[in-house]
Amino acid sequence: MPGLAASAAIFERIQLPEADFEIHLLEWEIPLVKESLDDYAKRIALKIKKENPVLIGVSFGGILVQEMAKHIDARKVIIISSVKSNLEFPRRMKIAKTTKAYKLIPMSLILNLENLAKFSFGAKINHRLKLYEKFLSVRDIGYLEWAVEKVILWDRTVVDESVIHIHGDMDDVFPIKYIKECSVVKGGTHIMILNKYRWFNANLGAIILGTNTTVD
């Protein structure tokens, strides 16, 4: 499951041995009116037809697959660049929950990447905007408002110890200092599923099979 509003195209460079694995990519759907995260997770879980799947989610997708695991008998749950409970949220997200500041985020600006690019400066910023334009597949204000709220208000406080957590030490969305019990990818940012794909291609298969759950 990709990250918030992202397309499954973020996994386009992830390669696993076809003899051992069959990959099924999930996409975000527009939530129903006042749909809870639990109900949404149940609805997306219905799309999985294989028994005992390994669920893998990135960022908000990592939160979602943990909720999906309540409704499906998953062999393993692996989260990437995500969190295992709201206790791993950075301070700014906790403040946003208390003050409801997340309601002030201009979703229309996020949707209009073309106009945003006109006012950006620097190669790094423009490169990131191009990535967003390529991989941001859900450009629906209702979805974005719903998704941001569901992240901020996620109520899980008890960690599922069976969840395998892979996290970058340079993640600027969920800083590593707040994360407990994870396999650390050196130099990994929040979008490391894109730019650290070689690491995932070398290690993810072994992690799924249980022959390697630590990172050098």
Protein backbone atom coordinates (compact mmCIF):
# COMPACT_ATOMS: atom_id res chain seq x y z
CA MET A 1 0.00 0.00 0.00
CA PRO A 2 1.53 3.33 -1.05
CA GLY A 3 1.74 6.48 1.04
CA LEU A 4 -0.89 9.18 1.44
CA ALA A 5 -2.43 10.05 -1.95
CA ALA A 6 0.41 8.24 -3.73
CA SER A 7 0.12 5.80 -6.59
CA ALA A 8 1.33 2.21 -6.44
CA ALA A 9 3.85 3.41 -9.04
CA ILE A 10 6.15 4.20 -6.08
CA PHE A 11 6.91 0.47 -6.07
CA GLU A 12 7.88 0.37 -9.75
CA ARG A 13 11.57 -0.26 -9.00
CA ILE A 14 10.97 -2.83 -6.28
CA GLN A 15 11.89 -6.25 -7.61
CA LEU A 16 11.44 -9.55 -5.80
CA PRO A 17 12.32 -13.01 -7.17
CA GLU A 18 9.30 -14.15 -9.18
CA ALA A 19 9.95 -17.76 -8.15
CA ASP A 20 9.29 -16.85 -4.52
CA PHE A 21 6.87 -13.94 -4.57
CA GLU A 22 3.73 -12.69 -6.27
CA ILE A 23 3.25 -8.95 -5.89
CA HIS A 24 -0.20 -7.34 -5.75
CA LEU A 25 -0.36 -3.54 -5.71
CA LEU A 26 -3.16 -1.73 -3.88
CA GLU A 27 -4.40 1.77 -4.67
CA TRP A 28 -6.20 4.39 -2.60
CA GLU A 29 -9.93 4.80 -3.10
CA ILE A 30 -12.09 7.80 -2.32
CA PRO A 31 -13.49 7.31 1.21
CA LEU A 32 -17.21 7.16 1.78
CA VAL A 33 -18.92 10.01 3.62
CA LYS A 34 -17.77 9.99 7.27
CA GLU A 35 -16.09 6.62 6.74
CA SER A 36 -13.94 5.57 9.69
CA LEU A 37 -10.38 4.36 9.20
CA ASP A 38 -11.44 0.94 10.46
CA ASP A 39 -14.27 0.67 7.93
CA TYR A 40 -12.00 1.89 5.15
CA ALA A 41 -9.36 -0.68 6.10
CA LYS A 42 -12.00 -3.41 6.06
CA ARG A 43 -13.13 -2.30 2.58
CA ILE A 44 -9.60 -2.31 1.15
CA ALA A 45 -8.88 -5.67 2.80
CA LEU A 46 -11.73 -7.20 0.79
CA LYS A 47 -9.65 -6.63 -2.34
CA ILE A 48 -7.07 -9.17 -1.15
CA LYS A 49 -7.97 -12.60 -2.48
CA LYS A 50 -4.88 -14.57 -1.50
CA GLU A 51 -4.76 -16.32 1.87
CA ASN A 52 -2.17 -15.36 4.49
CA PRO A 53 -0.66 -12.46 2.56
CA VAL A 54 2.28 -10.33 3.66
CA LEU A 55 1.00 -6.76 3.97
CA ILE A 56 3.47 -3.98 3.19
CA GLY A 57 2.64 -0.30 3.58
CA VAL A 58 4.53 2.97 3.21
CA SER A 59 3.86 5.99 5.46
CA PHE A 60 0.05 6.34 5.83
CA GLY A 61 -0.13 3.08 3.91
CA GLY A 62 1.79 1.57 6.81
CA ILE A 63 -0.86 2.77 9.21
CA LEU A 64 -3.57 1.40 6.95
CA VAL A 65 -2.09 -2.10 6.61
CA GLN A 66 -1.89 -2.33 10.40
CA GLU A 67 -5.61 -1.58 10.53
CA MET A 68 -6.26 -4.03 7.69
CA ALA A 69 -4.53 -6.76 9.71
CA LYS A 70 -7.49 -6.63 12.10
CA HIS A 71 -9.71 -7.96 9.31
CA ILE A 72 -7.44 -10.35 7.43
CA ASP A 73 -5.22 -13.22 8.50
CA ALA A 74 -1.89 -11.76 7.43
CA ARG A 75 1.29 -13.77 7.57
CA LYS A 76 3.31 -10.63 8.27
CA VAL A 77 2.86 -6.88 8.38
CA ILE A 78 5.78 -4.74 7.22
CA ILE A 79 5.71 -0.95 7.47
CA ILE A 80 8.15 1.42 5.77
CA SER A 81 8.69 5.09 6.71
CA SER A 82 5.69 4.86 9.03
CA VAL A 83 4.76 4.50 12.71
CA LYS A 84 3.52 1.65 14.90
CA SER A 85 1.40 3.84 17.19
CA ASN A 86 0.59 7.49 17.74
CA LEU A 87 3.25 7.55 20.48
CA GLU A 88 5.81 7.64 17.65
CA PHE A 89 4.33 10.82 16.18
CA PRO A 90 6.60 13.88 16.24
CA ARG A 91 5.66 16.70 18.58
CA ARG A 92 4.22 18.86 15.77
CA MET A 93 1.66 16.18 14.91
CA LYS A 94 0.61 15.86 18.54
CA ILE A 95 0.16 19.63 18.71
CA ALA A 96 -1.83 19.55 15.47
CA LYS A 97 -4.18 17.02 17.06
CA THR A 98 -4.69 19.15 20.17
CA THR A 99 -5.15 22.44 18.33
CA LYS A 100 -6.85 20.95 15.24
CA ALA A 101 -4.37 22.96 13.17
CA TYR A 102 -4.44 20.22 10.52
CA LYS A 103 -7.81 21.61 9.42
CA LEU A 104 -6.02 24.75 8.22
CA ILE A 105 -3.81 22.96 5.67
CA PRO A 106 -4.59 24.38 2.16
CA MET A 107 -5.41 21.14 0.34
CA SER A 108 -6.09 23.02 -2.89
CA LEU A 109 -2.45 24.16 -2.94
CA ILE A 110 -1.25 20.58 -2.58
CA LEU A 111 -3.45 19.57 -5.50
CA ASN A 112 -2.20 22.32 -7.79
CA LEU A 113 1.42 21.25 -8.14
CA GLU A 114 1.84 23.03 -11.45
CA ASN A 115 1.19 26.44 -9.90
CA LEU A 116 3.25 25.57 -6.84
CA ALA A 117 6.22 24.76 -9.09
CA LYS A 118 6.10 28.28 -10.56
CA PHE A 119 6.96 29.76 -7.18
CA SER A 120 9.56 27.20 -6.06
CA PHE A 121 13.26 27.90 -5.95
CA GLY A 122 16.17 25.51 -6.02
CA ALA A 123 16.89 22.26 -7.79
CA LYS A 124 16.10 20.12 -4.74
CA ILE A 125 12.63 21.59 -4.29
CA ASN A 126 11.83 21.34 -7.98
CA HIS A 127 13.01 17.72 -8.03
CA ARG A 128 10.72 16.86 -5.14
CA LEU A 129 7.79 18.62 -6.83
CA LYS A 130 8.39 16.58 -9.98
CA LEU A 131 8.31 13.41 -7.87
CA TYR A 132 5.05 14.50 -6.27
CA GLU A 133 3.56 15.28 -9.67
CA LYS A 134 4.52 11.83 -10.93
CA PHE A 135 3.44 9.77 -7.94
CA LEU A 136 0.53 11.77 -6.47
CA SER A 137 -2.42 9.90 -7.94
CA VAL A 138 -5.33 10.97 -5.73
CA ARG A 139 -6.08 14.63 -6.36
CA ASP A 140 -9.34 14.81 -4.49
CA ILE A 141 -9.73 17.40 -1.73
CA GLY A 142 -12.21 15.23 0.17
CA TYR A 143 -9.75 12.32 0.22
CA LEU A 144 -6.84 14.53 1.33
CA GLU A 145 -8.84 16.11 4.16
CA TRP A 146 -10.01 12.65 5.26
CA ALA A 147 -6.53 11.11 5.05
CA VAL A 148 -4.74 13.89 6.94
CA GLU A 149 -7.36 13.77 9.69
CA LYS A 150 -7.15 9.96 9.97
CA VAL A 151 -3.37 10.14 10.36
CA ILE A 152 -3.45 12.88 12.99
CA LEU A 153 -6.30 11.26 14.93
CA TRP A 154 -5.00 7.68 14.71
CA ASP A 155 -5.80 6.29 18.13
CA ARG A 156 -3.48 3.29 18.34
CA THR A 157 -1.32 3.47 21.47
CA VAL A 158 -0.47 -0.22 21.92
CA VAL A 159 2.16 -1.46 19.48
CA ASP A 160 1.69 -4.78 17.70
CA GLU A 161 5.05 -6.37 18.47
CA SER A 162 4.83 -8.60 15.41
CA VAL A 163 4.94 -5.64 13.00
CA ILE A 164 8.25 -5.34 11.15
CA HIS A 165 9.29 -1.70 10.90
CA ILE A 166 11.83 -0.37 8.36
CA HIS A 167 12.77 3.27 8.82
CA GLY A 168 15.28 5.76 7.45
CA ASP A 169 17.54 7.65 9.82
CA MET A 170 16.93 10.88 7.84
CA ASP A 171 13.12 10.70 7.72
CA ASP A 172 11.81 14.27 8.08
CA VAL A 173 8.13 13.34 8.45
CA PHE A 174 8.51 10.72 11.19
CA PRO A 175 11.95 11.52 12.70
CA ILE A 176 13.92 8.49 13.83
CA LYS A 177 14.33 9.87 17.37
CA TYR A 178 10.65 9.14 18.03
CA ILE A 179 10.73 5.63 16.55
CA LYS A 180 11.23 2.53 18.70
CA GLU A 181 12.32 -0.96 17.65
CA CYS A 182 12.93 -0.64 13.94
CA SER A 183 15.42 -1.73 11.30
CA VAL A 184 17.29 1.41 10.30
CA VAL A 185 18.25 2.24 6.72
CA LYS A 186 21.22 4.60 6.79
CA GLY A 187 20.64 7.72 4.75
CA GLY A 188 17.00 6.80 4.23
CA THR A 189 14.51 9.67 3.96
CA HIS A 190 10.72 9.57 4.01
CA ILE A 191 10.75 8.78 0.28
CA MET A 192 13.40 6.07 0.51
CA ILE A 193 11.06 3.60 -1.21
CA LEU A 194 11.98 5.62 -4.33
CA ASN A 195 15.66 6.42 -3.89
CA LYS A 196 16.78 3.46 -1.77
CA TYR A 197 15.14 0.85 -3.98
CA ARG A 198 18.45 -1.00 -4.38
CA TRP A 199 18.50 -1.57 -0.61
CA PHE A 200 14.96 -2.93 -0.69
CA ASN A 201 15.70 -5.16 -3.66
CA ALA A 202 18.68 -6.60 -1.78
CA ASN A 203 16.97 -7.03 1.61
CA LEU A 204 13.16 -7.09 1.40
CA GLY A 205 12.88 -10.67 0.17
CA ALA A 206 14.92 -12.01 3.08
CA ILE A 207 12.91 -9.87 5.53
CA ILE A 208 9.63 -11.29 4.19
CA LEU A 209 10.95 -14.85 4.42
CA GLY A 210 12.25 -14.23 7.94
CA THR A 211 15.89 -14.89 7.13
CA ASN A 212 16.89 -11.28 7.77
CA THR A 213 15.08 -8.85 10.06
CA THR A 214 18.03 -6.62 10.91
CA VAL A 215 19.90 -4.04 8.89
CA ASP A 216 23.65 -3.52 8.82
